[in-house]
Amino acid sequence: QELLRERLTILQKYRAGIEKQVNPLWENQVSAIHSANVKRMIDLV
């Protein structure tokens, strides 16, 4: 239980870090494929 709770914390931090990248300004500066791939990474997390 302790290890799984720690894993959840790690995953939530990882997701928050990736999500910081996604915003309208950023999406206008990168290709649609790059944006879709970053969102896919969020889906995996």
PDB file of all heavy atoms in Angstrom:
ATOM      1  N   GLN A   1       0.824  -1.206   0.000  1.00  0.00           N
ATOM      2  CA  GLN A   1       0.000   0.000   0.000  1.00  0.00           C
ATOM      3  C   GLN A   1       0.862   1.261   0.000  1.00  0.00           C
ATOM      4  O   GLN A   1       0.593   2.207  -0.750  1.00  0.00           O
ATOM      5  CB  GLN A   1      -0.948  -0.031   1.194  1.00  0.00           C
ATOM      6  CG  GLN A   1      -1.969  -1.151   1.087  1.00  0.00           C
ATOM      7  CD  GLN A   1      -2.696  -1.443   2.387  1.00  0.00           C
ATOM      8  OE1 GLN A   1      -2.398  -0.867   3.426  1.00  0.00           O
ATOM      9  NE2 GLN A   1      -3.641  -2.363   2.344  1.00  0.00           N
ATOM     10  N   GLU A   2       1.886   1.274   0.825  1.00  0.00           N
ATOM     11  CA  GLU A   2       2.773   2.442   0.892  1.00  0.00           C
ATOM     12  C   GLU A   2       3.451   2.704  -0.452  1.00  0.00           C
ATOM     13  O   GLU A   2       3.481   3.839  -0.937  1.00  0.00           O
ATOM     14  CB  GLU A   2       3.822   2.241   1.987  1.00  0.00           C
ATOM     15  CG  GLU A   2       4.791   3.400   2.129  1.00  0.00           C
ATOM     16  CD  GLU A   2       5.881   3.105   3.163  1.00  0.00           C
ATOM     17  OE1 GLU A   2       5.634   2.337   4.102  1.00  0.00           O
ATOM     18  OE2 GLU A   2       6.980   3.656   2.988  1.00  0.00           O
ATOM     19  N   LEU A   3       3.985   1.648  -1.071  1.00  0.00           N
ATOM     20  CA  LEU A   3       4.666   1.806  -2.356  1.00  0.00           C
ATOM     21  C   LEU A   3       3.704   2.263  -3.450  1.00  0.00           C
ATOM     22  O   LEU A   3       4.049   3.116  -4.265  1.00  0.00           O
ATOM     23  CB  LEU A   3       5.358   0.506  -2.760  1.00  0.00           C
ATOM     24  CG  LEU A   3       6.601   0.130  -1.961  1.00  0.00           C
ATOM     25  CD1 LEU A   3       6.989  -1.313  -2.220  1.00  0.00           C
ATOM     26  CD2 LEU A   3       7.756   1.072  -2.279  1.00  0.00           C
ATOM     27  N   LEU A   4       2.507   1.724  -3.462  1.00  0.00           N
ATOM     28  CA  LEU A   4       1.536   2.128  -4.479  1.00  0.00           C
ATOM     29  C   LEU A   4       1.083   3.576  -4.271  1.00  0.00           C
ATOM     30  O   LEU A   4       0.894   4.321  -5.251  1.00  0.00           O
ATOM     31  CB  LEU A   4       0.344   1.175  -4.493  1.00  0.00           C
ATOM     32  CG  LEU A   4       0.654  -0.222  -5.044  1.00  0.00           C
ATOM     33  CD1 LEU A   4      -0.519  -1.169  -4.794  1.00  0.00           C
ATOM     34  CD2 LEU A   4       1.031  -0.183  -6.516  1.00  0.00           C
ATOM     35  N   ARG A   5       0.942   3.996  -3.023  1.00  0.00           N
ATOM     36  CA  ARG A   5       0.599   5.411  -2.758  1.00  0.00           C
ATOM     37  C   ARG A   5       1.742   6.322  -3.220  1.00  0.00           C
ATOM     38  O   ARG A   5       1.506   7.380  -3.820  1.00  0.00           O
ATOM     39  CB  ARG A   5       0.298   5.622  -1.269  1.00  0.00           C
ATOM     40  CG  ARG A   5      -1.112   5.171  -0.882  1.00  0.00           C
ATOM     41  CD  ARG A   5      -1.494   5.643   0.524  1.00  0.00           C
ATOM     42  NE  ARG A   5      -0.727   4.986   1.565  1.00  0.00           N
ATOM     43  CZ  ARG A   5      -1.072   3.859   2.169  1.00  0.00           C
ATOM     44  NH1 ARG A   5      -2.213   3.269   1.860  1.00  0.00           N
ATOM     45  NH2 ARG A   5      -0.319   3.325   3.101  1.00  0.00           N
ATOM     46  N   GLU A   6       2.978   5.907  -2.945  1.00  0.00           N
ATOM     47  CA  GLU A   6       4.133   6.687  -3.415  1.00  0.00           C
ATOM     48  C   GLU A   6       4.156   6.760  -4.937  1.00  0.00           C
ATOM     49  O   GLU A   6       4.451   7.803  -5.511  1.00  0.00           O
ATOM     50  CB  GLU A   6       5.446   6.089  -2.900  1.00  0.00           C
ATOM     51  CG  GLU A   6       5.736   6.367  -1.448  1.00  0.00           C
ATOM     52  CD  GLU A   6       7.095   5.812  -1.020  1.00  0.00           C
ATOM     53  OE1 GLU A   6       8.097   6.112  -1.684  1.00  0.00           O
ATOM     54  OE2 GLU A   6       7.125   5.054  -0.027  1.00  0.00           O
ATOM     55  N   ARG A   7       3.847   5.640  -5.588  1.00  0.00           N
ATOM     56  CA  ARG A   7       3.814   5.628  -7.052  1.00  0.00           C
ATOM     57  C   ARG A   7       2.766   6.608  -7.570  1.00  0.00           C
ATOM     58  O   ARG A   7       3.009   7.338  -8.537  1.00  0.00           O
ATOM     59  CB  ARG A   7       3.529   4.223  -7.575  1.00  0.00           C
ATOM     60  CG  ARG A   7       3.449   4.162  -9.096  1.00  0.00           C
ATOM     61  CD  ARG A   7       3.264   2.749  -9.607  1.00  0.00           C
ATOM     62  NE  ARG A   7       3.086   2.704 -11.038  1.00  0.00           N
ATOM     63  CZ  ARG A   7       4.056   2.804 -11.937  1.00  0.00           C
ATOM     64  NH1 ARG A   7       5.301   2.952 -11.547  1.00  0.00           N
ATOM     65  NH2 ARG A   7       3.790   2.754 -13.235  1.00  0.00           N
ATOM     66  N   LEU A   8       1.601   6.635  -6.930  1.00  0.00           N
ATOM     67  CA  LEU A   8       0.561   7.586  -7.346  1.00  0.00           C
ATOM     68  C   LEU A   8       1.052   9.023  -7.234  1.00  0.00           C
ATOM     69  O   LEU A   8       0.807   9.842  -8.131  1.00  0.00           O
ATOM     70  CB  LEU A   8      -0.705   7.396  -6.503  1.00  0.00           C
ATOM     71  CG  LEU A   8      -1.610   6.249  -6.912  1.00  0.00           C
ATOM     72  CD1 LEU A   8      -2.750   6.078  -5.911  1.00  0.00           C
ATOM     73  CD2 LEU A   8      -2.148   6.437  -8.315  1.00  0.00           C
ATOM     74  N   THR A   9       1.751   9.334  -6.166  1.00  0.00           N
ATOM     75  CA  THR A   9       2.295  10.686  -5.993  1.00  0.00           C
ATOM     76  C   THR A   9       3.287  11.008  -7.111  1.00  0.00           C
ATOM     77  O   THR A   9       3.246  12.097  -7.699  1.00  0.00           O
ATOM     78  CB  THR A   9       2.979  10.816  -4.610  1.00  0.00           C
ATOM     79  OG1 THR A   9       1.999  10.569  -3.596  1.00  0.00           O
ATOM     80  CG2 THR A   9       3.595  12.182  -4.414  1.00  0.00           C
ATOM     81  N   ILE A  10       4.165  10.062  -7.420  1.00  0.00           N
ATOM     82  CA  ILE A  10       5.151  10.250  -8.489  1.00  0.00           C
ATOM     83  C   ILE A  10       4.439  10.468  -9.826  1.00  0.00           C
ATOM     84  O   ILE A  10       4.782  11.380 -10.593  1.00  0.00           O
ATOM     85  CB  ILE A  10       6.103   9.033  -8.565  1.00  0.00           C
ATOM     86  CG1 ILE A  10       7.013   9.000  -7.340  1.00  0.00           C
ATOM     87  CG2 ILE A  10       6.917   9.031  -9.860  1.00  0.00           C
ATOM     88  CD1 ILE A  10       7.740   7.672  -7.126  1.00  0.00           C
ATOM     89  N   LEU A  11       3.437   9.646 -10.113  1.00  0.00           N
ATOM     90  CA  LEU A  11       2.704   9.763 -11.375  1.00  0.00           C
ATOM     91  C   LEU A  11       1.963  11.093 -11.472  1.00  0.00           C
ATOM     92  O   LEU A  11       1.957  11.725 -12.538  1.00  0.00           O
ATOM     93  CB  LEU A  11       1.710   8.602 -11.518  1.00  0.00           C
ATOM     94  CG  LEU A  11       2.319   7.219 -11.757  1.00  0.00           C
ATOM     95  CD1 LEU A  11       1.254   6.137 -11.592  1.00  0.00           C
ATOM     96  CD2 LEU A  11       2.977   7.136 -13.124  1.00  0.00           C
ATOM     97  N   GLN A  12       1.366  11.531 -10.385  1.00  0.00           N
ATOM     98  CA  GLN A  12       0.635  12.802 -10.400  1.00  0.00           C
ATOM     99  C   GLN A  12       1.589  13.974 -10.623  1.00  0.00           C
ATOM    100  O   GLN A  12       1.263  14.911 -11.366  1.00  0.00           O
ATOM    101  CB  GLN A  12      -0.182  12.951  -9.121  1.00  0.00           C
ATOM    102  CG  GLN A  12      -1.369  11.993  -9.117  1.00  0.00           C
ATOM    103  CD  GLN A  12      -1.945  11.709  -7.745  1.00  0.00           C
ATOM    104  OE1 GLN A  12      -1.342  12.029  -6.720  1.00  0.00           O
ATOM    105  NE2 GLN A  12      -3.103  11.074  -7.715  1.00  0.00           N
ATOM    106  N   LYS A  13       2.779  13.919 -10.031  1.00  0.00           N
ATOM    107  CA  LYS A  13       3.786  14.968 -10.273  1.00  0.00           C
ATOM    108  C   LYS A  13       4.257  14.930 -11.719  1.00  0.00           C
ATOM    109  O   LYS A  13       4.447  15.968 -12.350  1.00  0.00           O
ATOM    110  CB  LYS A  13       4.974  14.797  -9.324  1.00  0.00           C
ATOM    111  CG  LYS A  13       4.689  15.190  -7.900  1.00  0.00           C
ATOM    112  CD  LYS A  13       5.910  14.986  -7.021  1.00  0.00           C
ATOM    113  CE  LYS A  13       5.596  15.311  -5.569  1.00  0.00           C
ATOM    114  NZ  LYS A  13       6.734  15.002  -4.679  1.00  0.00           N
ATOM    115  N   TYR A  14       4.459  13.748 -12.231  1.00  0.00           N
ATOM    116  CA  TYR A  14       4.890  13.570 -13.613  1.00  0.00           C
ATOM    117  C   TYR A  14       3.843  14.168 -14.559  1.00  0.00           C
ATOM    118  O   TYR A  14       4.170  14.914 -15.485  1.00  0.00           O
ATOM    119  CB  TYR A  14       5.074  12.073 -13.890  1.00  0.00           C
ATOM    120  CG  TYR A  14       6.016  11.770 -15.013  1.00  0.00           C
ATOM    121  CD1 TYR A  14       7.367  11.558 -14.784  1.00  0.00           C
ATOM    122  CD2 TYR A  14       5.559  11.674 -16.322  1.00  0.00           C
ATOM    123  CE1 TYR A  14       8.228  11.266 -15.828  1.00  0.00           C
ATOM    124  CE2 TYR A  14       6.402  11.389 -17.367  1.00  0.00           C
ATOM    125  CZ  TYR A  14       7.741  11.185 -17.114  1.00  0.00           C
ATOM    126  OH  TYR A  14       8.588  10.903 -18.142  1.00  0.00           O
ATOM    127  N   ARG A  15       2.570  13.867 -14.300  1.00  0.00           N
ATOM    128  CA  ARG A  15       1.488  14.385 -15.139  1.00  0.00           C
ATOM    129  C   ARG A  15       1.432  15.904 -15.076  1.00  0.00           C
ATOM    130  O   ARG A  15       1.283  16.578 -16.098  1.00  0.00           O
ATOM    131  CB  ARG A  15       0.151  13.790 -14.702  1.00  0.00           C
ATOM    132  CG  ARG A  15      -0.972  14.153 -15.649  1.00  0.00           C
ATOM    133  CD  ARG A  15      -2.335  13.793 -15.092  1.00  0.00           C
ATOM    134  NE  ARG A  15      -3.365  13.850 -16.096  1.00  0.00           N
ATOM    135  CZ  ARG A  15      -3.828  14.963 -16.642  1.00  0.00           C
ATOM    136  NH1 ARG A  15      -3.337  16.142 -16.299  1.00  0.00           N
ATOM    137  NH2 ARG A  15      -4.786  14.923 -17.548  1.00  0.00           N
ATOM    138  N   ALA A  16       1.530  16.449 -13.870  1.00  0.00           N
ATOM    139  CA  ALA A  16       1.487  17.907 -13.705  1.00  0.00           C
ATOM    140  C   ALA A  16       2.642  18.569 -14.461  1.00  0.00           C
ATOM    141  O   ALA A  16       2.460  19.629 -15.083  1.00  0.00           O
ATOM    142  CB  ALA A  16       1.537  18.275 -12.223  1.00  0.00           C
ATOM    143  N   GLY A  17       3.807  17.944 -14.430  1.00  0.00           N
ATOM    144  CA  GLY A  17       4.955  18.495 -15.153  1.00  0.00           C
ATOM    145  C   GLY A  17       4.734  18.509 -16.650  1.00  0.00           C
ATOM    146  O   GLY A  17       5.063  19.500 -17.332  1.00  0.00           O
ATOM    147  N   ILE A  18       4.178  17.445 -17.185  1.00  0.00           N
ATOM    148  CA  ILE A  18       3.904  17.397 -18.627  1.00  0.00           C
ATOM    149  C   ILE A  18       2.822  18.414 -18.983  1.00  0.00           C
ATOM    150  O   ILE A  18       2.919  19.135 -19.984  1.00  0.00           O
ATOM    151  CB  ILE A  18       3.437  15.983 -19.064  1.00  0.00           C
ATOM    152  CG1 ILE A  18       4.517  14.947 -18.808  1.00  0.00           C
ATOM    153  CG2 ILE A  18       3.070  15.984 -20.550  1.00  0.00           C
ATOM    154  CD1 ILE A  18       4.035  13.516 -18.990  1.00  0.00           C
ATOM    155  N   GLU A  19       1.802  18.488 -18.147  1.00  0.00           N
ATOM    156  CA  GLU A  19       0.671  19.366 -18.443  1.00  0.00           C
ATOM    157  C   GLU A  19       1.063  20.849 -18.442  1.00  0.00           C
ATOM    158  O   GLU A  19       0.442  21.654 -19.143  1.00  0.00           O
ATOM    159  CB  GLU A  19      -0.453  19.109 -17.442  1.00  0.00           C
ATOM    160  CG  GLU A  19      -1.791  19.563 -17.967  1.00  0.00           C
ATOM    161  CD  GLU A  19      -2.916  19.008 -17.133  1.00  0.00           C
ATOM    162  OE1 GLU A  19      -2.967  19.308 -15.917  1.00  0.00           O
ATOM    163  OE2 GLU A  19      -3.742  18.273 -17.700  1.00  0.00           O
ATOM    164  N   LYS A  20       2.094  21.217 -17.678  1.00  0.00           N
ATOM    165  CA  LYS A  20       2.564  22.612 -17.666  1.00  0.00           C
ATOM    166  C   LYS A  20       2.962  23.066 -19.067  1.00  0.00           C
ATOM    167  O   LYS A  20       2.869  24.235 -19.391  1.00  0.00           O
ATOM    168  CB  LYS A  20       3.770  22.769 -16.736  1.00  0.00           C
ATOM    169  CG  LYS A  20       3.436  22.773 -15.284  1.00  0.00           C
ATOM    170  CD  LYS A  20       4.704  22.942 -14.463  1.00  0.00           C
ATOM    171  CE  LYS A  20       4.431  22.790 -12.988  1.00  0.00           C
ATOM    172  NZ  LYS A  20       5.662  22.850 -12.199  1.00  0.00           N
ATOM    173  N   GLN A  21       3.396  22.107 -19.855  1.00  0.00           N
ATOM    174  CA  GLN A  21       3.866  22.390 -21.203  1.00  0.00           C
ATOM    175  C   GLN A  21       2.702  22.765 -22.136  1.00  0.00           C
ATOM    176  O   GLN A  21       2.874  23.528 -23.070  1.00  0.00           O
ATOM    177  CB  GLN A  21       4.590  21.153 -21.731  1.00  0.00           C
ATOM    178  CG  GLN A  21       5.256  21.317 -23.046  1.00  0.00           C
ATOM    179  CD  GLN A  21       6.063  20.072 -23.396  1.00  0.00           C
ATOM    180  OE1 GLN A  21       6.291  19.211 -22.563  1.00  0.00           O
ATOM    181  NE2 GLN A  21       6.481  19.993 -24.625  1.00  0.00           N
ATOM    182  N   VAL A  22       1.538  22.202 -21.878  1.00  0.00           N
ATOM    183  CA  VAL A  22       0.407  22.350 -22.787  1.00  0.00           C
ATOM    184  C   VAL A  22      -0.366  23.633 -22.480  1.00  0.00           C
ATOM    185  O   VAL A  22      -0.969  23.765 -21.428  1.00  0.00           O
ATOM    186  CB  VAL A  22      -0.537  21.128 -22.697  1.00  0.00           C
ATOM    187  CG1 VAL A  22      -1.711  21.274 -23.652  1.00  0.00           C
ATOM    188  CG2 VAL A  22       0.233  19.846 -22.971  1.00  0.00           C
ATOM    189  N   ASN A  23      -0.320  24.575 -23.400  1.00  0.00           N
ATOM    190  CA  ASN A  23      -1.102  25.805 -23.316  1.00  0.00           C
ATOM    191  C   ASN A  23      -1.266  26.350 -24.736  1.00  0.00           C
ATOM    192  O   ASN A  23      -0.527  25.952 -25.643  1.00  0.00           O
ATOM    193  CB  ASN A  23      -0.445  26.821 -22.367  1.00  0.00           C
ATOM    194  CG  ASN A  23       0.909  27.279 -22.867  1.00  0.00           C
ATOM    195  OD1 ASN A  23       1.026  27.846 -23.954  1.00  0.00           O
ATOM    196  ND2 ASN A  23       1.942  27.027 -22.069  1.00  0.00           N
ATOM    197  N   PRO A  24      -2.219  27.236 -24.957  1.00  0.00           N
ATOM    198  CA  PRO A  24      -2.475  27.716 -26.329  1.00  0.00           C
ATOM    199  C   PRO A  24      -1.245  28.337 -27.006  1.00  0.00           C
ATOM    200  O   PRO A  24      -1.015  28.104 -28.193  1.00  0.00           O
ATOM    201  CB  PRO A  24      -3.580  28.752 -26.138  1.00  0.00           C
ATOM    202  CG  PRO A  24      -4.268  28.347 -24.872  1.00  0.00           C
ATOM    203  CD  PRO A  24      -3.185  27.757 -24.006  1.00  0.00           C
ATOM    204  N   LEU A  25      -0.450  29.106 -26.280  1.00  0.00           N
ATOM    205  CA  LEU A  25       0.738  29.725 -26.867  1.00  0.00           C
ATOM    206  C   LEU A  25       1.716  28.647 -27.346  1.00  0.00           C
ATOM    207  O   LEU A  25       2.226  28.693 -28.463  1.00  0.00           O
ATOM    208  CB  LEU A  25       1.420  30.642 -25.841  1.00  0.00           C
ATOM    209  CG  LEU A  25       2.712  31.317 -26.292  1.00  0.00           C
ATOM    210  CD1 LEU A  25       2.435  32.257 -27.467  1.00  0.00           C
ATOM    211  CD2 LEU A  25       3.335  32.103 -25.148  1.00  0.00           C
ATOM    212  N   TRP A  26       1.964  27.670 -26.485  1.00  0.00           N
ATOM    213  CA  TRP A  26       2.873  26.574 -26.839  1.00  0.00           C
ATOM    214  C   TRP A  26       2.346  25.813 -28.048  1.00  0.00           C
ATOM    215  O   TRP A  26       3.079  25.494 -28.970  1.00  0.00           O
ATOM    216  CB  TRP A  26       3.031  25.638 -25.639  1.00  0.00           C
ATOM    217  CG  TRP A  26       3.781  24.379 -25.931  1.00  0.00           C
ATOM    218  CD1 TRP A  26       5.121  24.222 -25.998  1.00  0.00           C
ATOM    219  CD2 TRP A  26       3.213  23.098 -26.205  1.00  0.00           C
ATOM    220  NE1 TRP A  26       5.445  22.918 -26.291  1.00  0.00           N
ATOM    221  CE2 TRP A  26       4.291  22.204 -26.430  1.00  0.00           C
ATOM    222  CE3 TRP A  26       1.918  22.598 -26.290  1.00  0.00           C
ATOM    223  CZ2 TRP A  26       4.091  20.859 -26.722  1.00  0.00           C
ATOM    224  CZ3 TRP A  26       1.725  21.262 -26.571  1.00  0.00           C
ATOM    225  CH2 TRP A  26       2.812  20.412 -26.790  1.00  0.00           C
ATOM    226  N   GLU A  27       1.037  25.521 -28.041  1.00  0.00           N
ATOM    227  CA  GLU A  27       0.459  24.744 -29.138  1.00  0.00           C
ATOM    228  C   GLU A  27       0.567  25.463 -30.476  1.00  0.00           C
ATOM    229  O   GLU A  27       0.647  24.812 -31.516  1.00  0.00           O
ATOM    230  CB  GLU A  27      -0.994  24.376 -28.834  1.00  0.00           C
ATOM    231  CG  GLU A  27      -1.096  23.320 -27.742  1.00  0.00           C
ATOM    232  CD  GLU A  27      -2.464  22.705 -27.621  1.00  0.00           C
ATOM    233  OE1 GLU A  27      -2.757  21.796 -28.413  1.00  0.00           O
ATOM    234  OE2 GLU A  27      -3.212  23.131 -26.739  1.00  0.00           O
ATOM    235  N   ASN A  28       0.583  26.786 -30.460  1.00  0.00           N
ATOM    236  CA  ASN A  28       0.758  27.557 -31.701  1.00  0.00           C
ATOM    237  C   ASN A  28       2.199  27.531 -32.205  1.00  0.00           C
ATOM    238  O   ASN A  28       2.453  27.856 -33.354  1.00  0.00           O
ATOM    239  CB  ASN A  28       0.304  29.010 -31.514  1.00  0.00           C
ATOM    240  CG  ASN A  28      -1.198  29.121 -31.398  1.00  0.00           C
ATOM    241  OD1 ASN A  28      -1.930  28.294 -31.936  1.00  0.00           O
ATOM    242  ND2 ASN A  28      -1.666  30.127 -30.676  1.00  0.00           N
ATOM    243  N   GLN A  29       3.135  27.166 -31.344  1.00  0.00           N
ATOM    244  CA  GLN A  29       4.556  27.180 -31.711  1.00  0.00           C
ATOM    245  C   GLN A  29       5.093  25.810 -32.108  1.00  0.00           C
ATOM    246  O   GLN A  29       6.224  25.714 -32.572  1.00  0.00           O
ATOM    247  CB  GLN A  29       5.387  27.738 -30.557  1.00  0.00           C
ATOM    248  CG  GLN A  29       5.086  29.196 -30.251  1.00  0.00           C
ATOM    249  CD  GLN A  29       5.845  29.685 -29.033  1.00  0.00           C
ATOM    250  OE1 GLN A  29       6.493  28.920 -28.329  1.00  0.00           O
ATOM    251  NE2 GLN A  29       5.767  30.985 -28.788  1.00  0.00           N
ATOM    252  N   VAL A  30       4.335  24.765 -31.888  1.00  0.00           N
ATOM    253  CA  VAL A  30       4.807  23.421 -32.225  1.00  0.00           C
ATOM    254  C   VAL A  30       3.854  22.796 -33.247  1.00  0.00           C
ATOM    255  O   VAL A  30       2.732  23.257 -33.430  1.00  0.00           O
ATOM    256  CB  VAL A  30       4.902  22.513 -30.974  1.00  0.00           C
ATOM    257  CG1 VAL A  30       5.880  23.077 -29.965  1.00  0.00           C
ATOM    258  CG2 VAL A  30       3.538  22.284 -30.340  1.00  0.00           C
ATOM    259  N   SER A  31       4.315  21.728 -33.872  1.00  0.00           N
ATOM    260  CA  SER A  31       3.468  21.054 -34.861  1.00  0.00           C
ATOM    261  C   SER A  31       2.310  20.346 -34.158  1.00  0.00           C
ATOM    262  O   SER A  31       2.374  20.036 -32.964  1.00  0.00           O
ATOM    263  CB  SER A  31       4.287  20.042 -35.653  1.00  0.00           C
ATOM    264  OG  SER A  31       4.608  18.927 -34.833  1.00  0.00           O
ATOM    265  N   ALA A  32       1.274  20.091 -34.927  1.00  0.00           N
ATOM    266  CA  ALA A  32       0.112  19.376 -34.397  1.00  0.00           C
ATOM    267  C   ALA A  32       0.514  17.985 -33.911  1.00  0.00           C
ATOM    268  O   ALA A  32      -0.011  17.499 -32.895  1.00  0.00           O
ATOM    269  CB  ALA A  32      -0.974  19.285 -35.465  1.00  0.00           C
ATOM    270  N   ILE A  33       1.448  17.362 -34.605  1.00  0.00           N
ATOM    271  CA  ILE A  33       1.908  16.028 -34.195  1.00  0.00           C
ATOM    272  C   ILE A  33       2.633  16.104 -32.859  1.00  0.00           C
ATOM    273  O   ILE A  33       2.420  15.264 -31.984  1.00  0.00           O
ATOM    274  CB  ILE A  33       2.803  15.402 -35.285  1.00  0.00           C
ATOM    275  CG1 ILE A  33       1.934  15.029 -36.494  1.00  0.00           C
ATOM    276  CG2 ILE A  33       3.554  14.190 -34.767  1.00  0.00           C
ATOM    277  CD1 ILE A  33       2.688  14.516 -37.678  1.00  0.00           C
ATOM    278  N   HIS A  34       3.477  17.128 -32.678  1.00  0.00           N
ATOM    279  CA  HIS A  34       4.185  17.284 -31.401  1.00  0.00           C
ATOM    280  C   HIS A  34       3.175  17.483 -30.271  1.00  0.00           C
ATOM    281  O   HIS A  34       3.271  16.851 -29.208  1.00  0.00           O
ATOM    282  CB  HIS A  34       5.157  18.463 -31.488  1.00  0.00           C
ATOM    283  CG  HIS A  34       5.997  18.645 -30.279  1.00  0.00           C
ATOM    284  ND1 HIS A  34       7.172  17.967 -30.087  1.00  0.00           N
ATOM    285  CD2 HIS A  34       5.804  19.407 -29.168  1.00  0.00           C
ATOM    286  CE1 HIS A  34       7.697  18.317 -28.917  1.00  0.00           C
ATOM    287  NE2 HIS A  34       6.882  19.183 -28.345  1.00  0.00           N
ATOM    288  N   SER A  35       2.196  18.326 -30.494  1.00  0.00           N
ATOM    289  CA  SER A  35       1.171  18.586 -29.486  1.00  0.00           C
ATOM    290  C   SER A  35       0.391  17.308 -29.175  1.00  0.00           C
ATOM    291  O   SER A  35       0.151  16.979 -28.003  1.00  0.00           O
ATOM    292  CB  SER A  35       0.224  19.680 -29.982  1.00  0.00           C
ATOM    293  OG  SER A  35      -0.839  19.868 -29.077  1.00  0.00           O
ATOM    294  N   ALA A  36      -0.004  16.581 -30.212  1.00  0.00           N
ATOM    295  CA  ALA A  36      -0.758  15.341 -30.015  1.00  0.00           C
ATOM    296  C   ALA A  36       0.078  14.321 -29.250  1.00  0.00           C
ATOM    297  O   ALA A  36      -0.454  13.587 -28.406  1.00  0.00           O
ATOM    298  CB  ALA A  36      -1.191  14.775 -31.368  1.00  0.00           C
ATOM    299  N   ASN A  37       1.378  14.267 -29.523  1.00  0.00           N
ATOM    300  CA  ASN A  37       2.237  13.308 -28.828  1.00  0.00           C
ATOM    301  C   ASN A  37       2.352  13.638 -27.343  1.00  0.00           C
ATOM    302  O   ASN A  37       2.311  12.740 -26.496  1.00  0.00           O
ATOM    303  CB  ASN A  37       3.621  13.242 -29.471  1.00  0.00           C
ATOM    304  CG  ASN A  37       4.425  12.089 -28.931  1.00  0.00           C
ATOM    305  OD1 ASN A  37       3.924  10.981 -28.804  1.00  0.00           O
ATOM    306  ND2 ASN A  37       5.667  12.360 -28.583  1.00  0.00           N
ATOM    307  N   VAL A  38       2.481  14.914 -27.013  1.00  0.00           N
ATOM    308  CA  VAL A  38       2.556  15.302 -25.601  1.00  0.00           C
ATOM    309  C   VAL A  38       1.235  14.950 -24.898  1.00  0.00           C
ATOM    310  O   VAL A  38       1.236  14.434 -23.778  1.00  0.00           O
ATOM    311  CB  VAL A  38       2.904  16.797 -25.452  1.00  0.00           C
ATOM    312  CG1 VAL A  38       2.732  17.265 -24.003  1.00  0.00           C
ATOM    313  CG2 VAL A  38       4.337  17.062 -25.914  1.00  0.00           C
ATOM    314  N   LYS A  39       0.124  15.174 -25.569  1.00  0.00           N
ATOM    315  CA  LYS A  39      -1.176  14.819 -24.978  1.00  0.00           C
ATOM    316  C   LYS A  39      -1.312  13.301 -24.841  1.00  0.00           C
ATOM    317  O   LYS A  39      -1.912  12.803 -23.883  1.00  0.00           O
ATOM    318  CB  LYS A  39      -2.310  15.409 -25.807  1.00  0.00           C
ATOM    319  CG  LYS A  39      -2.369  16.927 -25.674  1.00  0.00           C
ATOM    320  CD  LYS A  39      -3.411  17.541 -26.566  1.00  0.00           C
ATOM    321  CE  LYS A  39      -3.385  19.059 -26.428  1.00  0.00           C
ATOM    322  NZ  LYS A  39      -4.309  19.706 -27.357  1.00  0.00           N
ATOM    323  N   ARG A  40      -0.743  12.559 -25.785  1.00  0.00           N
ATOM    324  CA  ARG A  40      -0.732  11.101 -25.694  1.00  0.00           C
ATOM    325  C   ARG A  40       0.065  10.664 -24.470  1.00  0.00           C
ATOM    326  O   ARG A  40      -0.319   9.726 -23.763  1.00  0.00           O
ATOM    327  CB  ARG A  40      -0.118  10.497 -26.965  1.00  0.00           C
ATOM    328  CG  ARG A  40      -0.057   8.976 -26.969  1.00  0.00           C
ATOM    329  CD  ARG A  40       0.762   8.472 -28.159  1.00  0.00           C
ATOM    330  NE  ARG A  40       2.164   8.824 -28.036  1.00  0.00           N
ATOM    331  CZ  ARG A  40       3.064   8.121 -27.331  1.00  0.00           C
ATOM    332  NH1 ARG A  40       2.716   7.035 -26.694  1.00  0.00           N
ATOM    333  NH2 ARG A  40       4.320   8.512 -27.267  1.00  0.00           N
ATOM    334  N   MET A  41       1.168  11.366 -24.192  1.00  0.00           N
ATOM    335  CA  MET A  41       1.970  11.049 -23.009  1.00  0.00           C
ATOM    336  C   MET A  41       1.138  11.260 -21.739  1.00  0.00           C
ATOM    337  O   MET A  41       1.218  10.460 -20.795  1.00  0.00           O
ATOM    338  CB  MET A  41       3.244  11.893 -22.996  1.00  0.00           C
ATOM    339  CG  MET A  41       4.209  11.502 -24.107  1.00  0.00           C
ATOM    340  SD  MET A  41       5.521  12.700 -24.462  1.00  0.00           S
ATOM    341  CE  MET A  41       6.271  12.969 -22.899  1.00  0.00           C
ATOM    342  N   ILE A  42       0.329  12.307 -21.718  1.00  0.00           N
ATOM    343  CA  ILE A  42      -0.561  12.543 -20.575  1.00  0.00           C
ATOM    344  C   ILE A  42      -1.559  11.392 -20.455  1.00  0.00           C
ATOM    345  O   ILE A  42      -1.825  10.901 -19.351  1.00  0.00           O
ATOM    346  CB  ILE A  42      -1.277  13.908 -20.700  1.00  0.00           C
ATOM    347  CG1 ILE A  42      -0.268  15.046 -20.531  1.00  0.00           C
ATOM    348  CG2 ILE A  42      -2.409  14.029 -19.684  1.00  0.00           C
ATOM    349  CD1 ILE A  42      -0.825  16.425 -20.850  1.00  0.00           C
ATOM    350  N   ASP A  43      -2.094  10.939 -21.599  1.00  0.00           N
ATOM    351  CA  ASP A  43      -3.025   9.812 -21.577  1.00  0.00           C
ATOM    352  C   ASP A  43      -2.373   8.569 -20.972  1.00  0.00           C
ATOM    353  O   ASP A  43      -3.013   7.836 -20.206  1.00  0.00           O
ATOM    354  CB  ASP A  43      -3.512   9.483 -22.993  1.00  0.00           C
ATOM    355  CG  ASP A  43      -4.377  10.573 -23.607  1.00  0.00           C
ATOM    356  OD1 ASP A  43      -4.921  11.411 -22.847  1.00  0.00           O
ATOM    357  OD2 ASP A  43      -4.501  10.589 -24.849  1.00  0.00           O
ATOM    358  N   LEU A  44      -1.117   8.325 -21.333  1.00  0.00           N
ATOM    359  CA  LEU A  44      -0.398   7.159 -20.797  1.00  0.00           C
ATOM    360  C   LEU A  44      -0.213   7.275 -19.286  1.00  0.00           C
ATOM    361  O   LEU A  44      -0.394   6.297 -18.557  1.00  0.00           O
ATOM    362  CB  LEU A  44       0.950   6.993 -21.491  1.00  0.00           C
ATOM    363  CG  LEU A  44       0.886   6.600 -22.968  1.00  0.00           C
ATOM    364  CD1 LEU A  44       2.267   6.684 -23.605  1.00  0.00           C
ATOM    365  CD2 LEU A  44       0.301   5.216 -23.136  1.00  0.00           C
ATOM    366  N   VAL A  45       0.148   8.458 -18.817  1.00  0.00           N
ATOM    367  CA  VAL A  45       0.304   8.659 -17.374  1.00  0.00           C
ATOM    368  C   VAL A  45      -1.050   8.500 -16.683  1.00  0.00           C
ATOM    369  O   VAL A  45      -1.144   7.872 -15.623  1.00  0.00           O
ATOM    370  CB  VAL A  45       0.946  10.033 -17.065  1.00  0.00           C
ATOM    371  CG1 VAL A  45       1.000  10.284 -15.565  1.00  0.00           C
ATOM    372  CG2 VAL A  45       2.344  10.124 -17.667  1.00  0.00           C
TER     373      VAL A  45
END
